[in-house]
Structure formats: structure tokens, C-alpha cells
């Protein structure tokens, strides 16, 4: 099993992206950010990177 301590919390993601925690939860609910629930929502750092890359306007 992977080390869950490396997973990011909603609060950590909100701080990194300068979003509200509510907005991050909405993105998780819409499955725009891949997350798992371990007590509370957790996101793998690489899944957050995938989300950020998907939002960039790179051609």
C-alpha cells in the first residue's frame, strides 16, 4: 500500500492553488481532481499535477 502521508489534503491543495477549500471539494466532486477518501479527501501529488497540466493553455 502507498504511503498516505504523501497524499495532499483539501487544505494543502487550496493553499497551493490559492483556491478556497470549498472550491477544491467541488472540483473533487466533479471528478476534475482525482481523489480518494481516507477519513477525509486525499489527493496524490501526481494527480494534482495532472489537474494543473490539464488547466494550462499549452498548444
PDB file of N, CA and C in Angstrom:
ATOM      1  N   UNK A   1       0.844  -1.204   0.000  1.00  0.00           N
ATOM      2  CA  UNK A   1       0.000   0.000   0.000  1.00  0.00           C
ATOM      3  C   UNK A   1       0.877   1.250   0.000  1.00  0.00           C
ATOM      4  N   UNK A   2       0.376   2.274  -0.655  1.00  0.00           N
ATOM      5  CA  UNK A   2       1.128   3.513  -0.743  1.00  0.00           C
ATOM      6  C   UNK A   2       1.122   4.259   0.594  1.00  0.00           C
ATOM      7  N   UNK A   3       2.107   5.127   0.757  1.00  0.00           N
ATOM      8  CA  UNK A   3       2.199   5.928   1.969  1.00  0.00           C
ATOM      9  C   UNK A   3       1.214   7.096   1.891  1.00  0.00           C
ATOM     10  N   UNK A   4       0.149   7.013   2.649  1.00  0.00           N
ATOM     11  CA  UNK A   4      -0.906   8.026   2.602  1.00  0.00           C
ATOM     12  C   UNK A   4      -0.420   9.376   3.117  1.00  0.00           C
ATOM     13  N   UNK A   5       0.647   9.381   3.871  1.00  0.00           N
ATOM     14  CA  UNK A   5       1.173  10.639   4.406  1.00  0.00           C
ATOM     15  C   UNK A   5       1.657  11.554   3.292  1.00  0.00           C
ATOM     16  N   UNK A   6       1.949  10.969   2.132  1.00  0.00           N
ATOM     17  CA  UNK A   6       2.403  11.768   0.996  1.00  0.00           C
ATOM     18  C   UNK A   6       1.232  12.415   0.264  1.00  0.00           C
ATOM     19  N   UNK A   7       0.028  11.935   0.513  1.00  0.00           N
ATOM     20  CA  UNK A   7      -1.161  12.473  -0.132  1.00  0.00           C
ATOM     21  C   UNK A   7      -1.447  13.874   0.414  1.00  0.00           C
ATOM     22  N   UNK A   8      -2.050  14.706  -0.413  1.00  0.00           N
ATOM     23  CA  UNK A   8      -2.360  16.076  -0.026  1.00  0.00           C
ATOM     24  C   UNK A   8      -3.790  16.192   0.485  1.00  0.00           C
ATOM     25  N   UNK A   9      -3.988  17.073   1.440  1.00  0.00           N
ATOM     26  CA  UNK A   9      -5.335  17.324   1.956  1.00  0.00           C
ATOM     27  C   UNK A   9      -5.978  18.442   1.129  1.00  0.00           C
ATOM     28  N   UNK A  10      -7.273  18.596   1.296  1.00  0.00           N
ATOM     29  CA  UNK A  10      -8.002  19.669   0.614  1.00  0.00           C
ATOM     30  C   UNK A  10      -7.394  21.020   1.003  1.00  0.00           C
ATOM     31  N   UNK A  11      -7.066  21.175   2.261  1.00  0.00           N
ATOM     32  CA  UNK A  11      -6.494  22.439   2.752  1.00  0.00           C
ATOM     33  C   UNK A  11      -5.155  22.736   2.071  1.00  0.00           C
ATOM     34  N   UNK A  12      -4.300  21.720   1.958  1.00  0.00           N
ATOM     35  CA  UNK A  12      -2.998  21.910   1.315  1.00  0.00           C
ATOM     36  C   UNK A  12      -3.156  22.291  -0.159  1.00  0.00           C
ATOM     37  N   UNK A  13      -4.089  21.648  -0.835  1.00  0.00           N
ATOM     38  CA  UNK A  13      -4.325  21.943  -2.248  1.00  0.00           C
ATOM     39  C   UNK A  13      -4.861  23.368  -2.399  1.00  0.00           C
ATOM     40  N   UNK A  14      -5.798  23.743  -1.552  1.00  0.00           N
ATOM     41  CA  UNK A  14      -6.360  25.096  -1.603  1.00  0.00           C
ATOM     42  C   UNK A  14      -5.262  26.147  -1.422  1.00  0.00           C
ATOM     43  N   UNK A  15      -4.352  25.901  -0.498  1.00  0.00           N
ATOM     44  CA  UNK A  15      -3.257  26.846  -0.269  1.00  0.00           C
ATOM     45  C   UNK A  15      -2.324  26.915  -1.473  1.00  0.00           C
ATOM     46  N   UNK A  16      -1.991  25.771  -2.044  1.00  0.00           N
ATOM     47  CA  UNK A  16      -1.083  25.740  -3.201  1.00  0.00           C
ATOM     48  C   UNK A  16      -1.661  26.437  -4.418  1.00  0.00           C
ATOM     49  N   UNK A  17      -2.968  26.261  -4.636  1.00  0.00           N
ATOM     50  CA  UNK A  17      -3.596  26.802  -5.838  1.00  0.00           C
ATOM     51  C   UNK A  17      -4.269  28.154  -5.610  1.00  0.00           C
ATOM     52  N   UNK A  18      -4.259  28.609  -4.366  1.00  0.00           N
ATOM     53  CA  UNK A  18      -4.937  29.845  -3.991  1.00  0.00           C
ATOM     54  C   UNK A  18      -6.429  29.765  -4.320  1.00  0.00           C
ATOM     55  N   UNK A  19      -7.015  28.608  -4.000  1.00  0.00           N
ATOM     56  CA  UNK A  19      -8.445  28.359  -4.141  1.00  0.00           C
ATOM     57  C   UNK A  19      -9.023  28.261  -2.736  1.00  0.00           C
ATOM     58  N   UNK A  20     -10.348  28.327  -2.619  1.00  0.00           N
ATOM     59  CA  UNK A  20     -10.967  28.039  -1.321  1.00  0.00           C
ATOM     60  C   UNK A  20     -11.056  26.516  -1.168  1.00  0.00           C
ATOM     61  N   UNK A  21     -11.153  26.067   0.060  1.00  0.00           N
ATOM     62  CA  UNK A  21     -11.303  24.626   0.305  1.00  0.00           C
ATOM     63  C   UNK A  21     -12.607  24.133  -0.318  1.00  0.00           C
ATOM     64  N   UNK A  22     -13.644  24.959  -0.266  1.00  0.00           N
ATOM     65  CA  UNK A  22     -14.930  24.583  -0.849  1.00  0.00           C
ATOM     66  C   UNK A  22     -14.786  24.354  -2.357  1.00  0.00           C
ATOM     67  N   UNK A  23     -14.030  25.218  -3.028  1.00  0.00           N
ATOM     68  CA  UNK A  23     -13.830  25.086  -4.478  1.00  0.00           C
ATOM     69  C   UNK A  23     -13.087  23.786  -4.792  1.00  0.00           C
ATOM     70  N   UNK A  24     -12.095  23.454  -3.976  1.00  0.00           N
ATOM     71  CA  UNK A  24     -11.341  22.200  -4.174  1.00  0.00           C
ATOM     72  C   UNK A  24     -12.277  21.010  -4.008  1.00  0.00           C
ATOM     73  N   UNK A  25     -13.123  21.043  -2.982  1.00  0.00           N
ATOM     74  CA  UNK A  25     -14.093  19.950  -2.774  1.00  0.00           C
ATOM     75  C   UNK A  25     -15.047  19.831  -3.959  1.00  0.00           C
ATOM     76  N   UNK A  26     -15.457  20.971  -4.515  1.00  0.00           N
ATOM     77  CA  UNK A  26     -16.334  20.956  -5.695  1.00  0.00           C
ATOM     78  C   UNK A  26     -15.620  20.303  -6.877  1.00  0.00           C
ATOM     79  N   UNK A  27     -14.363  20.620  -7.078  1.00  0.00           N
ATOM     80  CA  UNK A  27     -13.583  20.025  -8.166  1.00  0.00           C
ATOM     81  C   UNK A  27     -13.449  18.514  -7.980  1.00  0.00           C
ATOM     82  N   UNK A  28     -13.287  18.094  -6.729  1.00  0.00           N
ATOM     83  CA  UNK A  28     -13.218  16.660  -6.433  1.00  0.00           C
ATOM     84  C   UNK A  28     -14.573  16.014  -6.720  1.00  0.00           C
ATOM     85  N   UNK A  29     -15.650  16.663  -6.299  1.00  0.00           N
ATOM     86  CA  UNK A  29     -16.998  16.124  -6.523  1.00  0.00           C
ATOM     87  C   UNK A  29     -17.302  15.989  -8.016  1.00  0.00           C
ATOM     88  N   UNK A  30     -16.784  16.925  -8.811  1.00  0.00           N
ATOM     89  CA  UNK A  30     -16.991  16.889 -10.268  1.00  0.00           C
ATOM     90  C   UNK A  30     -15.994  15.959 -10.954  1.00  0.00           C
ATOM     91  N   UNK A  31     -15.143  15.329 -10.149  1.00  0.00           N
ATOM     92  CA  UNK A  31     -14.116  14.406 -10.642  1.00  0.00           C
ATOM     93  C   UNK A  31     -13.093  15.094 -11.550  1.00  0.00           C
ATOM     94  N   UNK A  32     -12.910  16.397 -11.340  1.00  0.00           N
ATOM     95  CA  UNK A  32     -11.888  17.127 -12.087  1.00  0.00           C
ATOM     96  C   UNK A  32     -10.519  16.933 -11.438  1.00  0.00           C
ATOM     97  N   UNK A  33     -10.536  16.710 -10.124  1.00  0.00           N
ATOM     98  CA  UNK A  33      -9.320  16.324  -9.394  1.00  0.00           C
ATOM     99  C   UNK A  33      -9.580  14.931  -8.849  1.00  0.00           C
ATOM    100  N   UNK A  34      -8.716  13.998  -9.199  1.00  0.00           N
ATOM    101  CA  UNK A  34      -8.861  12.616  -8.732  1.00  0.00           C
ATOM    102  C   UNK A  34      -8.485  12.562  -7.244  1.00  0.00           C
ATOM    103  N   UNK A  35      -9.359  11.972  -6.454  1.00  0.00           N
ATOM    104  CA  UNK A  35      -9.124  11.910  -5.010  1.00  0.00           C
ATOM    105  C   UNK A  35      -9.688  10.617  -4.437  1.00  0.00           C
ATOM    106  N   UNK A  36      -9.193  10.279  -3.254  1.00  0.00           N
ATOM    107  CA  UNK A  36      -9.754   9.147  -2.511  1.00  0.00           C
ATOM    108  C   UNK A  36     -10.106   9.631  -1.117  1.00  0.00           C
ATOM    109  N   UNK A  37     -11.016   8.932  -0.511  1.00  0.00           N
ATOM    110  CA  UNK A  37     -11.444   9.331   0.823  1.00  0.00           C
ATOM    111  C   UNK A  37     -10.818   8.387   1.853  1.00  0.00           C
ATOM    112  N   UNK A  38      -9.956   8.948   2.672  1.00  0.00           N
ATOM    113  CA  UNK A  38      -9.350   8.213   3.784  1.00  0.00           C
ATOM    114  C   UNK A  38      -9.628   9.073   5.015  1.00  0.00           C
ATOM    115  N   UNK A  39     -10.788   8.880   5.596  1.00  0.00           N
ATOM    116  CA  UNK A  39     -11.220   9.783   6.669  1.00  0.00           C
ATOM    117  C   UNK A  39     -11.732  11.073   6.055  1.00  0.00           C
ATOM    118  N   UNK A  40     -10.843  11.739   5.341  1.00  0.00           N
ATOM    119  CA  UNK A  40     -11.223  12.927   4.561  1.00  0.00           C
ATOM    120  C   UNK A  40     -10.580  12.811   3.194  1.00  0.00           C
ATOM    121  N   UNK A  41     -10.892  13.729   2.307  1.00  0.00           N
ATOM    122  CA  UNK A  41     -10.364  13.639   0.952  1.00  0.00           C
ATOM    123  C   UNK A  41      -8.857  13.786   0.927  1.00  0.00           C
ATOM    124  N   UNK A  42      -8.217  12.948   0.124  1.00  0.00           N
ATOM    125  CA  UNK A  42      -6.766  12.988  -0.077  1.00  0.00           C
ATOM    126  C   UNK A  42      -6.484  12.887  -1.567  1.00  0.00           C
ATOM    127  N   UNK A  43      -5.436  13.569  -1.992  1.00  0.00           N
ATOM    128  CA  UNK A  43      -5.075  13.600  -3.409  1.00  0.00           C
ATOM    129  C   UNK A  43      -3.598  13.285  -3.550  1.00  0.00           C
ATOM    130  N   UNK A  44      -3.289  12.388  -4.482  1.00  0.00           N
ATOM    131  CA  UNK A  44      -1.884  12.087  -4.767  1.00  0.00           C
ATOM    132  C   UNK A  44      -1.253  13.318  -5.406  1.00  0.00           C
ATOM    133  N   UNK A  45      -0.021  13.638  -5.049  1.00  0.00           N
ATOM    134  CA  UNK A  45       0.647  14.796  -5.664  1.00  0.00           C
ATOM    135  C   UNK A  45       0.649  14.731  -7.196  1.00  0.00           C
ATOM    136  N   UNK A  46       0.829  13.535  -7.767  1.00  0.00           N
ATOM    137  CA  UNK A  46       0.853  13.426  -9.232  1.00  0.00           C
ATOM    138  C   UNK A  46      -0.529  13.679  -9.845  1.00  0.00           C
ATOM    139  N   UNK A  47      -1.594  13.369  -9.097  1.00  0.00           N
ATOM    140  CA  UNK A  47      -2.939  13.658  -9.594  1.00  0.00           C
ATOM    141  C   UNK A  47      -3.208  15.168  -9.585  1.00  0.00           C
ATOM    142  N   UNK A  48      -2.638  15.857  -8.602  1.00  0.00           N
ATOM    143  CA  UNK A  48      -2.755  17.314  -8.584  1.00  0.00           C
ATOM    144  C   UNK A  48      -1.986  17.899  -9.772  1.00  0.00           C
ATOM    145  N   UNK A  49      -0.799  17.362 -10.055  1.00  0.00           N
ATOM    146  CA  UNK A  49      -0.018  17.819 -11.208  1.00  0.00           C
ATOM    147  C   UNK A  49      -0.799  17.612 -12.507  1.00  0.00           C
ATOM    148  N   UNK A  50      -1.455  16.471 -12.637  1.00  0.00           N
ATOM    149  CA  UNK A  50      -2.275  16.188 -13.826  1.00  0.00           C
ATOM    150  C   UNK A  50      -3.385  17.227 -13.976  1.00  0.00           C
ATOM    151  N   UNK A  51      -4.018  17.577 -12.858  1.00  0.00           N
ATOM    152  CA  UNK A  51      -5.079  18.583 -12.887  1.00  0.00           C
ATOM    153  C   UNK A  51      -4.519  19.923 -13.351  1.00  0.00           C
ATOM    154  N   UNK A  52      -3.381  20.322 -12.786  1.00  0.00           N
ATOM    155  CA  UNK A  52      -2.769  21.611 -13.146  1.00  0.00           C
ATOM    156  C   UNK A  52      -2.411  21.631 -14.629  1.00  0.00           C
ATOM    157  N   UNK A  53      -1.805  20.561 -15.110  1.00  0.00           N
ATOM    158  CA  UNK A  53      -1.437  20.476 -16.534  1.00  0.00           C
ATOM    159  C   UNK A  53      -2.658  20.541 -17.433  1.00  0.00           C
ATOM    160  N   UNK A  54      -3.760  19.918 -17.009  1.00  0.00           N
ATOM    161  CA  UNK A  54      -4.973  19.926 -17.817  1.00  0.00           C
ATOM    162  C   UNK A  54      -5.585  21.314 -17.903  1.00  0.00           C
ATOM    163  N   UNK A  55      -5.258  22.185 -16.972  1.00  0.00           N
ATOM    164  CA  UNK A  55      -5.801  23.532 -16.944  1.00  0.00           C
ATOM    165  C   UNK A  55      -4.911  24.562 -17.647  1.00  0.00           C
ATOM    166  N   UNK A  56      -3.686  24.138 -18.018  1.00  0.00           N
ATOM    167  CA  UNK A  56      -2.762  25.065 -18.658  1.00  0.00           C
ATOM    168  C   UNK A  56      -3.124  25.224 -20.130  1.00  0.00           C
ATOM    169  N   UNK A  57      -2.889  26.389 -20.652  1.00  0.00           N
ATOM    170  CA  UNK A  57      -3.199  26.689 -22.040  1.00  0.00           C
ATOM    171  C   UNK A  57      -1.963  26.502 -22.915  1.00  0.00           C
ATOM    172  N   UNK A  58      -1.516  25.269 -22.997  1.00  0.00           N
ATOM    173  CA  UNK A  58      -0.319  24.988 -23.783  1.00  0.00           C
ATOM    174  C   UNK A  58      -0.736  24.391 -25.132  1.00  0.00           C
ATOM    175  N   UNK A  59      -0.184  24.930 -26.178  1.00  0.00           N
ATOM    176  CA  UNK A  59      -0.509  24.437 -27.536  1.00  0.00           C
ATOM    177  C   UNK A  59       0.714  23.828 -28.176  1.00  0.00           C
TER     178      UNK A  59
END
